[in-house]
Amino acid sequence: MQYYYGCKTPLRIIDEIEFWKNQESEHTVVIRQIADNLEQDYVEKLMNWELAFAKTEGNAVRYIEAITRSKGIISPAMTENIRRFTVFSLNESKSFVAFLNQLVAESEAIKNNEIAVVVINHIRRESEYFIGIVTASLQYF
């Protein structure tokens, strides 16, 4: 993400959150599809992650709509709400990365599926990329 958007930076940050939460949600589906014998506990956890990411993505869309309605004039209160939402999104992705690490370490279905390990490691790196973007963007606030 570039940081030369000036007063539109909060909108750009929320745009990134919307995109990456959609990606993370889709990644939970990919994992379930590549590991057809995945333990039921992990299937349920992945489904819960999918719902959580969809909810966060929905909240990002609502922020985008609110910023658009305000014609780009973002109040200090809205800026603080966006900062808090950004931190929430960051922490959610950090928790997902920890979950992915646990999944690779503990799931026999994943350990015995080389393709699944490669894909999950790729997914983890993508979430870590998002974490880096969001961490850098917090300097804006």
Protein backbone atom coordinates (compact mmCIF):
# COMPACT_ATOMS: atom_id res chain seq x y z
CA MET A 1 0.00 0.00 0.00
CA GLN A 2 1.28 3.44 -0.86
CA TYR A 3 1.04 6.22 1.73
CA TYR A 4 0.64 9.28 -0.49
CA TYR A 5 -3.12 9.39 -0.37
CA GLY A 6 -3.19 12.32 2.07
CA CYS A 7 -6.62 12.81 3.59
CA LYS A 8 -7.83 9.67 1.79
CA THR A 9 -5.40 7.45 3.67
CA PRO A 10 -8.08 6.17 6.11
CA LEU A 11 -10.22 5.15 3.15
CA ARG A 12 -7.25 3.37 1.56
CA ILE A 13 -6.53 1.53 4.82
CA ILE A 14 -10.14 0.35 5.07
CA ASP A 15 -10.03 -0.66 1.40
CA GLU A 16 -7.00 -2.88 2.16
CA ILE A 17 -8.79 -4.40 5.15
CA GLU A 18 -11.85 -5.19 3.03
CA PHE A 19 -9.72 -6.87 0.35
CA TRP A 20 -7.59 -8.93 2.74
CA LYS A 21 -10.48 -10.07 4.93
CA ASN A 22 -12.16 -11.37 1.78
CA GLN A 23 -8.91 -13.17 0.91
CA GLU A 24 -8.59 -14.69 4.38
CA SER A 25 -12.22 -15.83 4.25
CA GLU A 26 -11.62 -17.52 0.89
CA HIS A 27 -8.44 -19.10 2.24
CA THR A 28 -10.44 -20.96 4.90
CA VAL A 29 -12.46 -22.56 2.09
CA VAL A 30 -9.31 -23.48 0.15
CA ILE A 31 -7.85 -25.22 3.20
CA ARG A 32 -11.03 -27.22 3.74
CA GLN A 33 -11.05 -28.24 0.07
CA ILE A 34 -7.42 -29.36 -0.16
CA ALA A 35 -7.61 -31.44 3.02
CA ASP A 36 -10.68 -33.58 2.44
CA ASN A 37 -9.94 -35.71 5.50
CA LEU A 38 -9.35 -32.76 7.83
CA GLU A 39 -10.34 -33.40 11.42
CA GLN A 40 -13.86 -32.15 12.23
CA ASP A 41 -12.58 -29.80 14.96
CA TYR A 42 -10.40 -27.98 12.43
CA VAL A 43 -13.19 -27.93 9.85
CA GLU A 44 -15.43 -26.20 12.40
CA LYS A 45 -12.68 -23.76 13.39
CA LEU A 46 -12.08 -22.88 9.74
CA MET A 47 -15.80 -22.31 9.25
CA ASN A 48 -15.80 -20.00 12.28
CA TRP A 49 -12.82 -18.12 10.85
CA GLU A 50 -14.65 -17.78 7.54
CA LEU A 51 -17.64 -16.20 9.29
CA ALA A 52 -15.44 -13.91 11.38
CA PHE A 53 -13.57 -12.66 8.32
CA ALA A 54 -16.85 -12.09 6.46
CA LYS A 55 -18.10 -10.03 9.40
CA THR A 56 -14.92 -7.94 9.47
CA GLU A 57 -15.12 -7.47 5.71
CA GLY A 58 -18.73 -6.32 6.11
CA ASN A 59 -17.69 -3.81 8.75
CA ALA A 60 -15.01 -2.50 6.39
CA VAL A 61 -17.64 -1.98 3.70
CA ARG A 62 -19.76 0.00 6.18
CA TYR A 63 -16.76 2.21 6.99
CA ILE A 64 -16.14 2.76 3.27
CA GLU A 65 -19.78 3.76 2.82
CA ALA A 66 -19.64 6.13 5.80
CA ILE A 67 -16.45 7.79 4.54
CA THR A 68 -17.93 8.11 1.06
CA ARG A 69 -21.11 9.70 2.46
CA SER A 70 -18.99 12.17 4.43
CA LYS A 71 -17.39 13.24 1.12
CA GLY A 72 -13.97 12.47 2.54
CA ILE A 73 -14.31 14.72 5.58
CA ILE A 74 -13.41 12.37 8.41
CA SER A 75 -14.11 13.54 11.93
CA PRO A 76 -11.65 12.89 14.76
CA ALA A 77 -14.16 10.42 16.24
CA MET A 78 -14.39 8.52 12.93
CA THR A 79 -10.60 8.55 12.63
CA GLU A 80 -10.36 6.97 16.08
CA ASN A 81 -12.99 4.36 15.17
CA ILE A 82 -11.03 3.52 12.02
CA ARG A 83 -7.82 3.23 14.06
CA ARG A 84 -9.51 0.83 16.49
CA PHE A 85 -10.97 -1.18 13.63
CA THR A 86 -7.54 -1.33 12.01
CA VAL A 87 -6.01 -2.67 15.23
CA PHE A 88 -8.84 -5.20 15.51
CA SER A 89 -8.22 -6.36 11.92
CA LEU A 90 -4.51 -6.64 12.61
CA ASN A 91 -5.04 -8.73 15.74
CA GLU A 92 -7.57 -10.94 13.97
CA SER A 93 -5.02 -11.76 11.28
CA LYS A 94 -2.31 -12.39 13.87
CA SER A 95 -4.63 -14.88 15.57
CA PHE A 96 -5.36 -16.53 12.23
CA VAL A 97 -1.63 -16.93 11.55
CA ALA A 98 -1.23 -18.55 14.97
CA PHE A 99 -4.13 -20.87 14.12
CA LEU A 100 -2.52 -21.80 10.79
CA ASN A 101 0.74 -22.60 12.58
CA GLN A 102 -1.16 -24.80 15.01
CA LEU A 103 -3.03 -26.48 12.15
CA VAL A 104 0.20 -27.40 10.34
CA ALA A 105 1.83 -28.59 13.57
CA GLU A 106 -1.05 -30.63 14.99
CA SER A 107 -3.36 -31.85 12.23
CA GLU A 108 -2.46 -35.32 11.00
CA ALA A 109 -4.51 -34.69 7.85
CA ILE A 110 -2.36 -31.66 7.05
CA LYS A 111 0.97 -33.19 8.09
CA ASN A 112 0.34 -36.08 5.71
CA ASN A 113 -0.58 -33.80 2.79
CA GLU A 114 2.46 -32.06 1.31
CA ILE A 115 0.33 -29.89 -0.97
CA ALA A 116 -1.77 -28.72 1.96
CA VAL A 117 1.36 -27.73 3.90
CA VAL A 118 2.66 -25.71 0.94
CA VAL A 119 -0.69 -24.00 0.40
CA ILE A 120 -1.16 -23.20 4.10
CA ASN A 121 2.34 -21.77 4.31
CA HIS A 122 1.52 -19.57 1.32
CA ILE A 123 -1.74 -18.47 2.95
CA ARG A 124 0.15 -17.70 6.18
CA ARG A 125 2.64 -15.53 4.27
CA GLU A 126 -0.22 -13.62 2.64
CA SER A 127 -1.79 -12.90 6.03
CA GLU A 128 1.64 -11.86 7.32
CA TYR A 129 1.93 -9.47 4.36
CA PHE A 130 -1.41 -7.93 5.38
CA ILE A 131 -0.17 -7.68 8.98
CA GLY A 132 2.85 -5.75 7.73
CA ILE A 133 0.69 -3.37 5.69
CA VAL A 134 -1.65 -2.70 8.58
CA THR A 135 1.18 -2.28 11.08
CA ALA A 136 2.80 0.31 8.81
CA SER A 137 -0.51 2.09 8.28
CA LEU A 138 -0.98 2.59 12.01
CA GLN A 139 1.70 5.29 11.83
CA TYR A 140 -0.94 7.38 10.04
CA PHE A 141 -3.04 7.65 13.21
